[in-house]
């Protein structure tokens, strides 16, 4: 159960035997301060699908409005709203996948061309749409770039990579962060490159803020059940300690407030093996256990309940508080 829910469980099905591969991490570095800067955030008005609420949300952050991982659609329960991930720039009008990096030098390379960073040469040989696994081990379909990295020397080094936006790869002393992949035919890749010794890369959980409305259904028949499920999660740290649920008010309505500390497993950069025909593979990549703080505000309604929450690593919680308060203060429920 633990592996299924928190580790990458990728199954390439062919015919034959099963090979289980445990892969060593390519890189993990010292933590630095988070780049979240609340004073620079611009907000925009958001109206949920079904007109359940209105709220201000950070503009330009990653935005998910359907197929929430915690939406129990199989039981007929419905969830409406938005899940934000940030800092994260929105995509443009052409196929684009973009994730902001933390430091280093940014270079842009068109398909078929070669870019240079010190003695590192990077060629973009192709860009396609395909299935891939993101840093959390979730299967996605999107843009993939084929890169060839070359370093002069004695002997010279050359290696090919298939990468997606948000992926980090290592070549000798360099960390290459794939910030953006754009287009397919005549597309381009934007990379953030830095020397590993100077990197601010963090193996931290990604910041998320959610504003959701849950309709009562077969699974959630009360908001108390939702609260109990969050408190009872098996990933909670110190489960023997009581979680204090306090009364509060949001938009003139009574609400429940609580906070939990839990862990997540973050997949570390690694070089996947070449798959051989006739073998079934199960990949168990290297991962790092990190702590996250989750704060919840649950607002009961007649036929469901609202949930406003954030999830962040402890070192950026203070920065997030102001953003979360701005969202809370702007929140306007549109149903009783």
C-alpha atoms as a PDB file:
ATOM      1  CA  UNK A   1       0.000   0.000   0.000  1.00  0.00           C
ATOM      2  CA  UNK A   2       2.816   2.382   0.977  1.00  0.00           C
ATOM      3  CA  UNK A   3       4.693   1.778  -2.243  1.00  0.00           C
ATOM      4  CA  UNK A   4       1.575   1.971  -4.381  1.00  0.00           C
ATOM      5  CA  UNK A   5       0.486   5.330  -3.017  1.00  0.00           C
ATOM      6  CA  UNK A   6       3.810   7.108  -2.623  1.00  0.00           C
ATOM      7  CA  UNK A   7       6.372   5.608  -4.960  1.00  0.00           C
ATOM      8  CA  UNK A   8       6.521   5.456  -8.705  1.00  0.00           C
ATOM      9  CA  UNK A   9       4.891   2.228  -9.795  1.00  0.00           C
ATOM     10  CA  UNK A  10       5.546   2.080 -13.501  1.00  0.00           C
ATOM     11  CA  UNK A  11       4.690  -1.085 -15.368  1.00  0.00           C
ATOM     12  CA  UNK A  12       5.936  -1.653 -18.899  1.00  0.00           C
ATOM     13  CA  UNK A  13       4.103  -4.797 -20.004  1.00  0.00           C
ATOM     14  CA  UNK A  14       5.650  -6.958 -22.663  1.00  0.00           C
ATOM     15  CA  UNK A  15       5.842 -10.781 -22.495  1.00  0.00           C
ATOM     16  CA  UNK A  16       8.147 -12.711 -20.248  1.00  0.00           C
ATOM     17  CA  UNK A  17       9.697 -12.305 -16.817  1.00  0.00           C
ATOM     18  CA  UNK A  18       9.671  -9.396 -14.356  1.00  0.00           C
ATOM     19  CA  UNK A  19      12.767  -7.332 -13.501  1.00  0.00           C
ATOM     20  CA  UNK A  20      12.546  -5.136 -10.394  1.00  0.00           C
ATOM     21  CA  UNK A  21      15.109  -2.347 -10.517  1.00  0.00           C
ATOM     22  CA  UNK A  22      16.147  -0.234  -7.528  1.00  0.00           C
ATOM     23  CA  UNK A  23      17.880   2.841  -8.881  1.00  0.00           C
ATOM     24  CA  UNK A  24      20.438   5.033  -7.139  1.00  0.00           C
ATOM     25  CA  UNK A  25      19.784   8.778  -6.957  1.00  0.00           C
ATOM     26  CA  UNK A  26      21.584  10.942  -9.443  1.00  0.00           C
ATOM     27  CA  UNK A  27      21.616  14.019  -7.204  1.00  0.00           C
ATOM     28  CA  UNK A  28      20.446  15.523  -3.956  1.00  0.00           C
ATOM     29  CA  UNK A  29      21.710  18.808  -2.540  1.00  0.00           C
ATOM     30  CA  UNK A  30      21.628  21.068   0.463  1.00  0.00           C
ATOM     31  CA  UNK A  31      18.440  23.022   1.157  1.00  0.00           C
ATOM     32  CA  UNK A  32      18.224  26.731   0.505  1.00  0.00           C
ATOM     33  CA  UNK A  33      15.485  29.260   1.182  1.00  0.00           C
ATOM     34  CA  UNK A  34      12.276  29.011  -0.821  1.00  0.00           C
ATOM     35  CA  UNK A  35      11.754  31.392  -3.756  1.00  0.00           C
ATOM     36  CA  UNK A  36       8.123  32.119  -2.773  1.00  0.00           C
ATOM     37  CA  UNK A  37       7.678  35.907  -2.572  1.00  0.00           C
ATOM     38  CA  UNK A  38       4.103  36.827  -1.508  1.00  0.00           C
ATOM     39  CA  UNK A  39       4.529  40.571  -2.121  1.00  0.00           C
ATOM     40  CA  UNK A  40       5.067  39.934  -5.847  1.00  0.00           C
ATOM     41  CA  UNK A  41       1.927  37.839  -6.304  1.00  0.00           C
ATOM     42  CA  UNK A  42      -0.933  39.193  -8.410  1.00  0.00           C
ATOM     43  CA  UNK A  43      -4.443  37.817  -7.793  1.00  0.00           C
ATOM     44  CA  UNK A  44      -7.306  37.120 -10.172  1.00  0.00           C
ATOM     45  CA  UNK A  45     -10.986  36.349  -9.661  1.00  0.00           C
ATOM     46  CA  UNK A  46     -11.992  32.690  -9.916  1.00  0.00           C
ATOM     47  CA  UNK A  47     -15.556  31.353 -10.171  1.00  0.00           C
ATOM     48  CA  UNK A  48     -15.908  27.606  -9.664  1.00  0.00           C
ATOM     49  CA  UNK A  49     -17.623  25.318 -12.114  1.00  0.00           C
ATOM     50  CA  UNK A  50     -21.284  25.121 -11.088  1.00  0.00           C
ATOM     51  CA  UNK A  51     -21.060  28.570  -9.441  1.00  0.00           C
ATOM     52  CA  UNK A  52     -20.444  27.221  -5.943  1.00  0.00           C
ATOM     53  CA  UNK A  53     -18.050  29.972  -4.864  1.00  0.00           C
ATOM     54  CA  UNK A  54     -16.004  32.996  -5.896  1.00  0.00           C
ATOM     55  CA  UNK A  55     -12.442  33.560  -4.667  1.00  0.00           C
ATOM     56  CA  UNK A  56      -9.228  35.389  -5.507  1.00  0.00           C
ATOM     57  CA  UNK A  57      -6.346  33.108  -6.516  1.00  0.00           C
ATOM     58  CA  UNK A  58      -2.683  33.784  -7.375  1.00  0.00           C
ATOM     59  CA  UNK A  59      -2.370  34.564 -11.068  1.00  0.00           C
ATOM     60  CA  UNK A  60      -0.045  32.399 -13.133  1.00  0.00           C
ATOM     61  CA  UNK A  61       0.162  29.469 -10.720  1.00  0.00           C
ATOM     62  CA  UNK A  62      -0.437  25.913 -11.927  1.00  0.00           C
ATOM     63  CA  UNK A  63      -4.201  25.334 -11.934  1.00  0.00           C
ATOM     64  CA  UNK A  64      -6.091  22.042 -11.821  1.00  0.00           C
ATOM     65  CA  UNK A  65      -9.888  22.089 -12.036  1.00  0.00           C
ATOM     66  CA  UNK A  66     -10.886  18.485 -12.762  1.00  0.00           C
ATOM     67  CA  UNK A  67      -9.956  14.917 -11.852  1.00  0.00           C
ATOM     68  CA  UNK A  68      -8.729  15.716  -8.368  1.00  0.00           C
ATOM     69  CA  UNK A  69      -6.858  12.823  -6.805  1.00  0.00           C
ATOM     70  CA  UNK A  70      -9.177  12.964  -3.802  1.00  0.00           C
ATOM     71  CA  UNK A  71     -12.417  13.167  -5.831  1.00  0.00           C
ATOM     72  CA  UNK A  72     -14.382   9.988  -5.227  1.00  0.00           C
ATOM     73  CA  UNK A  73     -16.067   9.878  -8.595  1.00  0.00           C
ATOM     74  CA  UNK A  74     -16.590   6.126  -8.535  1.00  0.00           C
ATOM     75  CA  UNK A  75     -19.007   6.491  -5.663  1.00  0.00           C
ATOM     76  CA  UNK A  76     -20.911   9.319  -7.300  1.00  0.00           C
ATOM     77  CA  UNK A  77     -19.440  12.018  -5.071  1.00  0.00           C
ATOM     78  CA  UNK A  78     -18.676  15.269  -6.875  1.00  0.00           C
ATOM     79  CA  UNK A  79     -15.954  17.822  -6.227  1.00  0.00           C
ATOM     80  CA  UNK A  80     -15.786  21.307  -7.737  1.00  0.00           C
ATOM     81  CA  UNK A  81     -13.131  23.957  -7.465  1.00  0.00           C
ATOM     82  CA  UNK A  82      -9.445  24.520  -8.073  1.00  0.00           C
ATOM     83  CA  UNK A  83      -6.149  23.098  -6.876  1.00  0.00           C
ATOM     84  CA  UNK A  84      -3.202  25.471  -7.270  1.00  0.00           C
ATOM     85  CA  UNK A  85       0.489  24.652  -7.389  1.00  0.00           C
ATOM     86  CA  UNK A  86       3.072  27.359  -7.244  1.00  0.00           C
ATOM     87  CA  UNK A  87       5.063  29.218  -8.050  1.00  0.00           C
ATOM     88  CA  UNK A  88       4.208  28.006 -11.534  1.00  0.00           C
ATOM     89  CA  UNK A  89       3.666  29.881 -14.811  1.00  0.00           C
ATOM     90  CA  UNK A  90       0.617  29.183 -16.939  1.00  0.00           C
ATOM     91  CA  UNK A  91       0.886  27.765 -20.427  1.00  0.00           C
ATOM     92  CA  UNK A  92       0.474  29.774 -23.615  1.00  0.00           C
ATOM     93  CA  UNK A  93      -1.796  29.267 -26.575  1.00  0.00           C
ATOM     94  CA  UNK A  94       0.504  26.712 -28.260  1.00  0.00           C
ATOM     95  CA  UNK A  95       1.448  23.377 -26.634  1.00  0.00           C
ATOM     96  CA  UNK A  96       3.620  24.491 -23.731  1.00  0.00           C
ATOM     97  CA  UNK A  97       4.746  22.869 -20.524  1.00  0.00           C
ATOM     98  CA  UNK A  98       6.606  25.107 -18.115  1.00  0.00           C
ATOM     99  CA  UNK A  99       7.858  24.895 -14.546  1.00  0.00           C
ATOM    100  CA  UNK A 100       9.951  27.633 -12.949  1.00  0.00           C
ATOM    101  CA  UNK A 101      13.435  26.776 -11.708  1.00  0.00           C
ATOM    102  CA  UNK A 102      15.313  28.318  -8.809  1.00  0.00           C
ATOM    103  CA  UNK A 103      18.683  29.600 -10.079  1.00  0.00           C
ATOM    104  CA  UNK A 104      21.417  29.304 -12.676  1.00  0.00           C
ATOM    105  CA  UNK A 105      21.533  30.554 -16.237  1.00  0.00           C
ATOM    106  CA  UNK A 106      18.606  30.187 -18.630  1.00  0.00           C
ATOM    107  CA  UNK A 107      19.201  29.195 -22.251  1.00  0.00           C
ATOM    108  CA  UNK A 108      16.718  28.599 -25.057  1.00  0.00           C
ATOM    109  CA  UNK A 109      17.420  25.979 -27.716  1.00  0.00           C
ATOM    110  CA  UNK A 110      15.324  25.406 -30.820  1.00  0.00           C
ATOM    111  CA  UNK A 111      14.708  21.909 -32.115  1.00  0.00           C
ATOM    112  CA  UNK A 112      17.637  20.816 -34.300  1.00  0.00           C
ATOM    113  CA  UNK A 113      20.031  23.334 -32.715  1.00  0.00           C
ATOM    114  CA  UNK A 114      22.784  23.166 -30.087  1.00  0.00           C
ATOM    115  CA  UNK A 115      23.228  25.379 -27.018  1.00  0.00           C
ATOM    116  CA  UNK A 116      26.386  25.962 -24.977  1.00  0.00           C
ATOM    117  CA  UNK A 117      27.006  26.456 -21.249  1.00  0.00           C
ATOM    118  CA  UNK A 118      30.745  26.586 -20.474  1.00  0.00           C
ATOM    119  CA  UNK A 119      32.102  23.278 -21.844  1.00  0.00           C
ATOM    120  CA  UNK A 120      28.641  21.651 -21.877  1.00  0.00           C
ATOM    121  CA  UNK A 121      26.939  21.304 -25.281  1.00  0.00           C
ATOM    122  CA  UNK A 122      23.209  20.521 -25.450  1.00  0.00           C
ATOM    123  CA  UNK A 123      21.387  19.506 -28.605  1.00  0.00           C
ATOM    124  CA  UNK A 124      17.603  19.269 -29.003  1.00  0.00           C
ATOM    125  CA  UNK A 125      17.032  16.434 -31.449  1.00  0.00           C
ATOM    126  CA  UNK A 126      13.248  16.052 -31.213  1.00  0.00           C
ATOM    127  CA  UNK A 127      10.082  17.114 -29.366  1.00  0.00           C
ATOM    128  CA  UNK A 128       7.033  14.845 -29.237  1.00  0.00           C
ATOM    129  CA  UNK A 129       3.856  14.243 -27.245  1.00  0.00           C
ATOM    130  CA  UNK A 130       4.011  11.041 -25.218  1.00  0.00           C
ATOM    131  CA  UNK A 131       3.224   9.440 -21.874  1.00  0.00           C
ATOM    132  CA  UNK A 132       5.688  10.034 -19.042  1.00  0.00           C
ATOM    133  CA  UNK A 133       5.944   9.899 -15.261  1.00  0.00           C
ATOM    134  CA  UNK A 134       6.288  13.178 -13.387  1.00  0.00           C
ATOM    135  CA  UNK A 135       8.406  13.829 -10.298  1.00  0.00           C
ATOM    136  CA  UNK A 136       5.646  12.481  -8.039  1.00  0.00           C
ATOM    137  CA  UNK A 137       5.412   9.235 -10.029  1.00  0.00           C
ATOM    138  CA  UNK A 138       2.092  10.173 -11.656  1.00  0.00           C
ATOM    139  CA  UNK A 139       1.515   9.113 -15.249  1.00  0.00           C
ATOM    140  CA  UNK A 140       0.882  12.059 -17.584  1.00  0.00           C
ATOM    141  CA  UNK A 141       0.631  12.757 -21.290  1.00  0.00           C
ATOM    142  CA  UNK A 142       2.491  15.764 -22.604  1.00  0.00           C
ATOM    143  CA  UNK A 143       5.569  17.155 -24.297  1.00  0.00           C
ATOM    144  CA  UNK A 144       8.822  15.198 -24.238  1.00  0.00           C
ATOM    145  CA  UNK A 145      12.145  16.535 -25.536  1.00  0.00           C
ATOM    146  CA  UNK A 146      15.079  14.415 -26.680  1.00  0.00           C
ATOM    147  CA  UNK A 147      18.327  16.018 -25.558  1.00  0.00           C
ATOM    148  CA  UNK A 148      21.917  15.086 -26.322  1.00  0.00           C
ATOM    149  CA  UNK A 149      24.480  16.383 -23.807  1.00  0.00           C
ATOM    150  CA  UNK A 150      28.183  16.493 -24.653  1.00  0.00           C
ATOM    151  CA  UNK A 151      31.239  17.591 -22.655  1.00  0.00           C
ATOM    152  CA  UNK A 152      34.634  17.901 -24.251  1.00  0.00           C
ATOM    153  CA  UNK A 153      37.503  16.249 -22.430  1.00  0.00           C
ATOM    154  CA  UNK A 154      39.745  13.225 -22.327  1.00  0.00           C
ATOM    155  CA  UNK A 155      37.729  11.132 -22.673  1.00  0.00           C
ATOM    156  CA  UNK A 156      34.743  13.157 -23.913  1.00  0.00           C
ATOM    157  CA  UNK A 157      31.302  12.481 -22.396  1.00  0.00           C
ATOM    158  CA  UNK A 158      28.070  12.141 -24.353  1.00  0.00           C
ATOM    159  CA  UNK A 159      24.639  11.043 -23.182  1.00  0.00           C
ATOM    160  CA  UNK A 160      21.033  11.127 -24.467  1.00  0.00           C
ATOM    161  CA  UNK A 161      18.027  12.026 -22.277  1.00  0.00           C
ATOM    162  CA  UNK A 162      14.247  12.015 -22.699  1.00  0.00           C
ATOM    163  CA  UNK A 163      12.920  14.839 -20.534  1.00  0.00           C
ATOM    164  CA  UNK A 164       9.674  16.598 -19.552  1.00  0.00           C
ATOM    165  CA  UNK A 165       9.069  20.029 -18.032  1.00  0.00           C
ATOM    166  CA  UNK A 166      10.087  20.090 -14.386  1.00  0.00           C
ATOM    167  CA  UNK A 167      12.649  17.308 -14.734  1.00  0.00           C
ATOM    168  CA  UNK A 168      16.209  17.619 -13.461  1.00  0.00           C
ATOM    169  CA  UNK A 169      19.126  15.794 -15.063  1.00  0.00           C
ATOM    170  CA  UNK A 170      22.813  15.573 -14.153  1.00  0.00           C
ATOM    171  CA  UNK A 171      25.776  15.619 -16.511  1.00  0.00           C
ATOM    172  CA  UNK A 172      29.165  15.626 -14.804  1.00  0.00           C
ATOM    173  CA  UNK A 173      29.257  18.785 -12.631  1.00  0.00           C
ATOM    174  CA  UNK A 174      26.155  20.363 -14.189  1.00  0.00           C
ATOM    175  CA  UNK A 175      22.505  20.329 -13.116  1.00  0.00           C
ATOM    176  CA  UNK A 176      20.125  20.873 -16.029  1.00  0.00           C
ATOM    177  CA  UNK A 177      16.555  21.849 -15.116  1.00  0.00           C
ATOM    178  CA  UNK A 178      13.945  21.606 -17.867  1.00  0.00           C
ATOM    179  CA  UNK A 179      11.935  24.773 -17.362  1.00  0.00           C
ATOM    180  CA  UNK A 180       9.814  24.778 -20.506  1.00  0.00           C
ATOM    181  CA  UNK A 181       9.057  22.669 -23.575  1.00  0.00           C
ATOM    182  CA  UNK A 182       7.149  24.430 -26.312  1.00  0.00           C
ATOM    183  CA  UNK A 183       5.564  23.192 -29.530  1.00  0.00           C
ATOM    184  CA  UNK A 184       6.388  19.987 -31.347  1.00  0.00           C
ATOM    185  CA  UNK A 185       7.404  20.693 -34.951  1.00  0.00           C
ATOM    186  CA  UNK A 186       9.995  23.486 -34.868  1.00  0.00           C
ATOM    187  CA  UNK A 187       9.560  23.654 -31.098  1.00  0.00           C
ATOM    188  CA  UNK A 188      12.042  24.764 -28.474  1.00  0.00           C
ATOM    189  CA  UNK A 189      13.273  23.918 -24.998  1.00  0.00           C
ATOM    190  CA  UNK A 190      14.145  26.386 -22.234  1.00  0.00           C
ATOM    191  CA  UNK A 191      16.698  25.059 -19.761  1.00  0.00           C
ATOM    192  CA  UNK A 192      18.081  26.425 -16.519  1.00  0.00           C
ATOM    193  CA  UNK A 193      21.656  25.254 -16.059  1.00  0.00           C
ATOM    194  CA  UNK A 194      24.022  25.620 -13.125  1.00  0.00           C
ATOM    195  CA  UNK A 195      26.992  23.962 -11.548  1.00  0.00           C
ATOM    196  CA  UNK A 196      25.941  21.468  -8.883  1.00  0.00           C
ATOM    197  CA  UNK A 197      28.178  23.113  -6.267  1.00  0.00           C
ATOM    198  CA  UNK A 198      26.187  26.366  -6.710  1.00  0.00           C
ATOM    199  CA  UNK A 199      22.739  24.831  -7.030  1.00  0.00           C
ATOM    200  CA  UNK A 200      19.760  25.930  -4.916  1.00  0.00           C
ATOM    201  CA  UNK A 201      17.801  22.834  -5.936  1.00  0.00           C
ATOM    202  CA  UNK A 202      15.514  21.578  -3.163  1.00  0.00           C
ATOM    203  CA  UNK A 203      14.163  18.078  -2.713  1.00  0.00           C
ATOM    204  CA  UNK A 204      11.001  19.504  -1.155  1.00  0.00           C
ATOM    205  CA  UNK A 205       7.303  18.844  -1.455  1.00  0.00           C
ATOM    206  CA  UNK A 206       5.556  21.130  -3.866  1.00  0.00           C
ATOM    207  CA  UNK A 207       3.372  23.910  -2.520  1.00  0.00           C
ATOM    208  CA  UNK A 208      -0.365  23.463  -3.169  1.00  0.00           C
ATOM    209  CA  UNK A 209      -3.402  25.507  -2.203  1.00  0.00           C
ATOM    210  CA  UNK A 210      -6.916  24.168  -2.810  1.00  0.00           C
ATOM    211  CA  UNK A 211     -10.389  25.705  -2.728  1.00  0.00           C
ATOM    212  CA  UNK A 212     -12.995  22.965  -3.220  1.00  0.00           C
ATOM    213  CA  UNK A 213     -16.670  22.210  -2.756  1.00  0.00           C
ATOM    214  CA  UNK A 214     -17.688  18.603  -1.972  1.00  0.00           C
ATOM    215  CA  UNK A 215     -21.261  17.512  -2.603  1.00  0.00           C
ATOM    216  CA  UNK A 216     -22.530  14.890  -0.195  1.00  0.00           C
ATOM    217  CA  UNK A 217     -22.647  11.440  -1.782  1.00  0.00           C
ATOM    218  CA  UNK A 218     -22.069   7.793  -1.021  1.00  0.00           C
ATOM    219  CA  UNK A 219     -18.560   8.363   0.306  1.00  0.00           C
ATOM    220  CA  UNK A 220     -18.812  11.723   2.044  1.00  0.00           C
ATOM    221  CA  UNK A 221     -22.114  11.802   3.914  1.00  0.00           C
ATOM    222  CA  UNK A 222     -20.856  14.421   6.368  1.00  0.00           C
ATOM    223  CA  UNK A 223     -18.037  16.917   6.639  1.00  0.00           C
ATOM    224  CA  UNK A 224     -16.977  15.167   9.865  1.00  0.00           C
ATOM    225  CA  UNK A 225     -16.083  12.082   7.822  1.00  0.00           C
ATOM    226  CA  UNK A 226     -13.805  14.195   5.642  1.00  0.00           C
ATOM    227  CA  UNK A 227     -12.051  15.652   8.695  1.00  0.00           C
ATOM    228  CA  UNK A 228     -11.584  12.213  10.252  1.00  0.00           C
ATOM    229  CA  UNK A 229     -10.075  10.849   7.040  1.00  0.00           C
ATOM    230  CA  UNK A 230      -7.521  13.659   6.854  1.00  0.00           C
ATOM    231  CA  UNK A 231      -6.552  13.266  10.501  1.00  0.00           C
ATOM    232  CA  UNK A 232      -6.386   9.482  10.181  1.00  0.00           C
ATOM    233  CA  UNK A 233      -4.091   9.359   7.133  1.00  0.00           C
ATOM    234  CA  UNK A 234      -1.320   6.780   7.485  1.00  0.00           C
ATOM    235  CA  UNK A 235       1.271   9.343   6.364  1.00  0.00           C
ATOM    236  CA  UNK A 236       0.650  11.564   9.379  1.00  0.00           C
ATOM    237  CA  UNK A 237       3.641  12.122  11.639  1.00  0.00           C
ATOM    238  CA  UNK A 238       3.152  11.453  15.358  1.00  0.00           C
ATOM    239  CA  UNK A 239      -0.328   9.894  14.945  1.00  0.00           C
ATOM    240  CA  UNK A 240      -0.443   9.271  18.697  1.00  0.00           C
ATOM    241  CA  UNK A 241      -0.850  13.011  19.294  1.00  0.00           C
ATOM    242  CA  UNK A 242      -4.281  14.622  19.273  1.00  0.00           C
ATOM    243  CA  UNK A 243      -5.197  17.052  16.499  1.00  0.00           C
ATOM    244  CA  UNK A 244      -6.956  20.119  17.841  1.00  0.00           C
ATOM    245  CA  UNK A 245     -10.009  21.162  15.819  1.00  0.00           C
ATOM    246  CA  UNK A 246     -11.021  24.734  16.549  1.00  0.00           C
ATOM    247  CA  UNK A 247     -14.057  26.790  15.620  1.00  0.00           C
ATOM    248  CA  UNK A 248     -13.575  29.746  13.307  1.00  0.00           C
ATOM    249  CA  UNK A 249     -15.567  31.765  10.777  1.00  0.00           C
ATOM    250  CA  UNK A 250     -15.088  32.398   7.055  1.00  0.00           C
ATOM    251  CA  UNK A 251     -17.331  34.724   5.027  1.00  0.00           C
ATOM    252  CA  UNK A 252     -19.704  34.949   7.993  1.00  0.00           C
ATOM    253  CA  UNK A 253     -20.121  31.185   8.221  1.00  0.00           C
ATOM    254  CA  UNK A 254     -19.120  28.783  10.952  1.00  0.00           C
ATOM    255  CA  UNK A 255     -16.109  26.660  10.045  1.00  0.00           C
ATOM    256  CA  UNK A 256     -13.692  24.106  11.484  1.00  0.00           C
ATOM    257  CA  UNK A 257      -9.944  24.637  11.451  1.00  0.00           C
ATOM    258  CA  UNK A 258      -7.144  22.120  12.010  1.00  0.00           C
ATOM    259  CA  UNK A 259      -3.559  21.424  11.023  1.00  0.00           C
ATOM    260  CA  UNK A 260      -1.608  18.208  10.547  1.00  0.00           C
ATOM    261  CA  UNK A 261       2.019  17.328   9.933  1.00  0.00           C
ATOM    262  CA  UNK A 262       2.668  14.456   7.550  1.00  0.00           C
ATOM    263  CA  UNK A 263       5.329  13.085   5.251  1.00  0.00           C
ATOM    264  CA  UNK A 264       5.617  12.712   1.502  1.00  0.00           C
ATOM    265  CA  UNK A 265       8.068  10.773  -0.611  1.00  0.00           C
ATOM    266  CA  UNK A 266       9.742  12.907  -3.282  1.00  0.00           C
ATOM    267  CA  UNK A 267      11.237  11.106  -6.233  1.00  0.00           C
ATOM    268  CA  UNK A 268      14.884  12.032  -6.794  1.00  0.00           C
ATOM    269  CA  UNK A 269      16.452  12.510 -10.238  1.00  0.00           C
ATOM    270  CA  UNK A 270      17.683   9.238 -11.721  1.00  0.00           C
ATOM    271  CA  UNK A 271      18.664   7.722 -15.017  1.00  0.00           C
ATOM    272  CA  UNK A 272      16.021   5.149 -16.052  1.00  0.00           C
ATOM    273  CA  UNK A 273      17.328   1.996 -17.718  1.00  0.00           C
ATOM    274  CA  UNK A 274      16.778   1.049 -21.331  1.00  0.00           C
ATOM    275  CA  UNK A 275      13.843  -1.340 -21.527  1.00  0.00           C
ATOM    276  CA  UNK A 276      14.478  -4.637 -23.301  1.00  0.00           C
ATOM    277  CA  UNK A 277      11.799  -6.441 -25.216  1.00  0.00           C
ATOM    278  CA  UNK A 278      10.470  -9.579 -23.574  1.00  0.00           C
ATOM    279  CA  UNK A 279      10.802  -8.296 -19.993  1.00  0.00           C
ATOM    280  CA  UNK A 280       8.222  -6.787 -17.657  1.00  0.00           C
ATOM    281  CA  UNK A 281       9.714  -3.985 -15.554  1.00  0.00           C
ATOM    282  CA  UNK A 282       8.712  -2.508 -12.214  1.00  0.00           C
ATOM    283  CA  UNK A 283      10.786   0.582 -11.443  1.00  0.00           C
ATOM    284  CA  UNK A 284      11.391   1.568  -7.804  1.00  0.00           C
ATOM    285  CA  UNK A 285      13.246   4.900  -8.063  1.00  0.00           C
ATOM    286  CA  UNK A 286      15.182   6.614  -5.282  1.00  0.00           C
ATOM    287  CA  UNK A 287      13.091   8.869  -3.082  1.00  0.00           C
ATOM    288  CA  UNK A 288      13.423  11.248  -0.167  1.00  0.00           C
ATOM    289  CA  UNK A 289      11.075  11.480   2.800  1.00  0.00           C
ATOM    290  CA  UNK A 290      10.088  15.098   3.485  1.00  0.00           C
ATOM    291  CA  UNK A 291       7.808  16.771   6.013  1.00  0.00           C
ATOM    292  CA  UNK A 292       4.805  18.850   4.961  1.00  0.00           C
ATOM    293  CA  UNK A 293       2.398  21.004   6.947  1.00  0.00           C
ATOM    294  CA  UNK A 294      -1.254  20.929   5.919  1.00  0.00           C
ATOM    295  CA  UNK A 295      -3.821  23.420   7.174  1.00  0.00           C
ATOM    296  CA  UNK A 296      -7.537  22.888   6.610  1.00  0.00           C
ATOM    297  CA  UNK A 297     -10.587  25.121   6.845  1.00  0.00           C
ATOM    298  CA  UNK A 298     -13.848  23.146   6.471  1.00  0.00           C
ATOM    299  CA  UNK A 299     -17.102  25.085   6.005  1.00  0.00           C
ATOM    300  CA  UNK A 300     -20.355  23.085   6.279  1.00  0.00           C
ATOM    301  CA  UNK A 301     -23.177  23.718   3.780  1.00  0.00           C
ATOM    302  CA  UNK A 302     -26.667  22.236   3.388  1.00  0.00           C
ATOM    303  CA  UNK A 303     -25.797  19.688   0.691  1.00  0.00           C
ATOM    304  CA  UNK A 304     -22.049  19.466   1.091  1.00  0.00           C
ATOM    305  CA  UNK A 305     -19.080  21.366   2.467  1.00  0.00           C
ATOM    306  CA  UNK A 306     -16.257  23.645   1.381  1.00  0.00           C
ATOM    307  CA  UNK A 307     -12.577  22.919   2.003  1.00  0.00           C
ATOM    308  CA  UNK A 308      -9.807  25.499   1.796  1.00  0.00           C
ATOM    309  CA  UNK A 309      -6.361  24.133   2.534  1.00  0.00           C
ATOM    310  CA  UNK A 310      -2.679  24.422   1.813  1.00  0.00           C
ATOM    311  CA  UNK A 311       0.186  21.928   1.855  1.00  0.00           C
ATOM    312  CA  UNK A 312       3.773  23.181   2.104  1.00  0.00           C
ATOM    313  CA  UNK A 313       7.189  22.300   3.482  1.00  0.00           C
ATOM    314  CA  UNK A 314       7.794  23.762   6.965  1.00  0.00           C
ATOM    315  CA  UNK A 315      10.408  26.294   5.803  1.00  0.00           C
ATOM    316  CA  UNK A 316       7.937  28.182   3.587  1.00  0.00           C
ATOM    317  CA  UNK A 317       4.822  28.000   5.768  1.00  0.00           C
ATOM    318  CA  UNK A 318       5.339  31.535   7.078  1.00  0.00           C
ATOM    319  CA  UNK A 319       5.494  32.845   3.515  1.00  0.00           C
ATOM    320  CA  UNK A 320       2.335  30.947   2.599  1.00  0.00           C
ATOM    321  CA  UNK A 321       0.260  32.247   5.505  1.00  0.00           C
ATOM    322  CA  UNK A 322      -0.233  35.672   3.911  1.00  0.00           C
ATOM    323  CA  UNK A 323      -1.260  34.146   0.578  1.00  0.00           C
ATOM    324  CA  UNK A 324      -3.683  31.754   2.255  1.00  0.00           C
ATOM    325  CA  UNK A 325      -5.201  34.561   4.349  1.00  0.00           C
ATOM    326  CA  UNK A 326      -5.740  36.627   1.183  1.00  0.00           C
ATOM    327  CA  UNK A 327      -7.616  33.692  -0.374  1.00  0.00           C
ATOM    328  CA  UNK A 328      -9.660  33.109   2.800  1.00  0.00           C
ATOM    329  CA  UNK A 329     -10.641  36.764   3.098  1.00  0.00           C
ATOM    330  CA  UNK A 330     -11.778  36.878  -0.530  1.00  0.00           C
ATOM    331  CA  UNK A 331     -13.749  33.625  -0.392  1.00  0.00           C
ATOM    332  CA  UNK A 332     -17.473  33.985  -1.076  1.00  0.00           C
ATOM    333  CA  UNK A 333     -19.724  30.890  -0.956  1.00  0.00           C
ATOM    334  CA  UNK A 334     -22.618  31.092  -3.397  1.00  0.00           C
ATOM    335  CA  UNK A 335     -24.882  28.389  -1.949  1.00  0.00           C
ATOM    336  CA  UNK A 336     -26.297  27.829   1.523  1.00  0.00           C
END
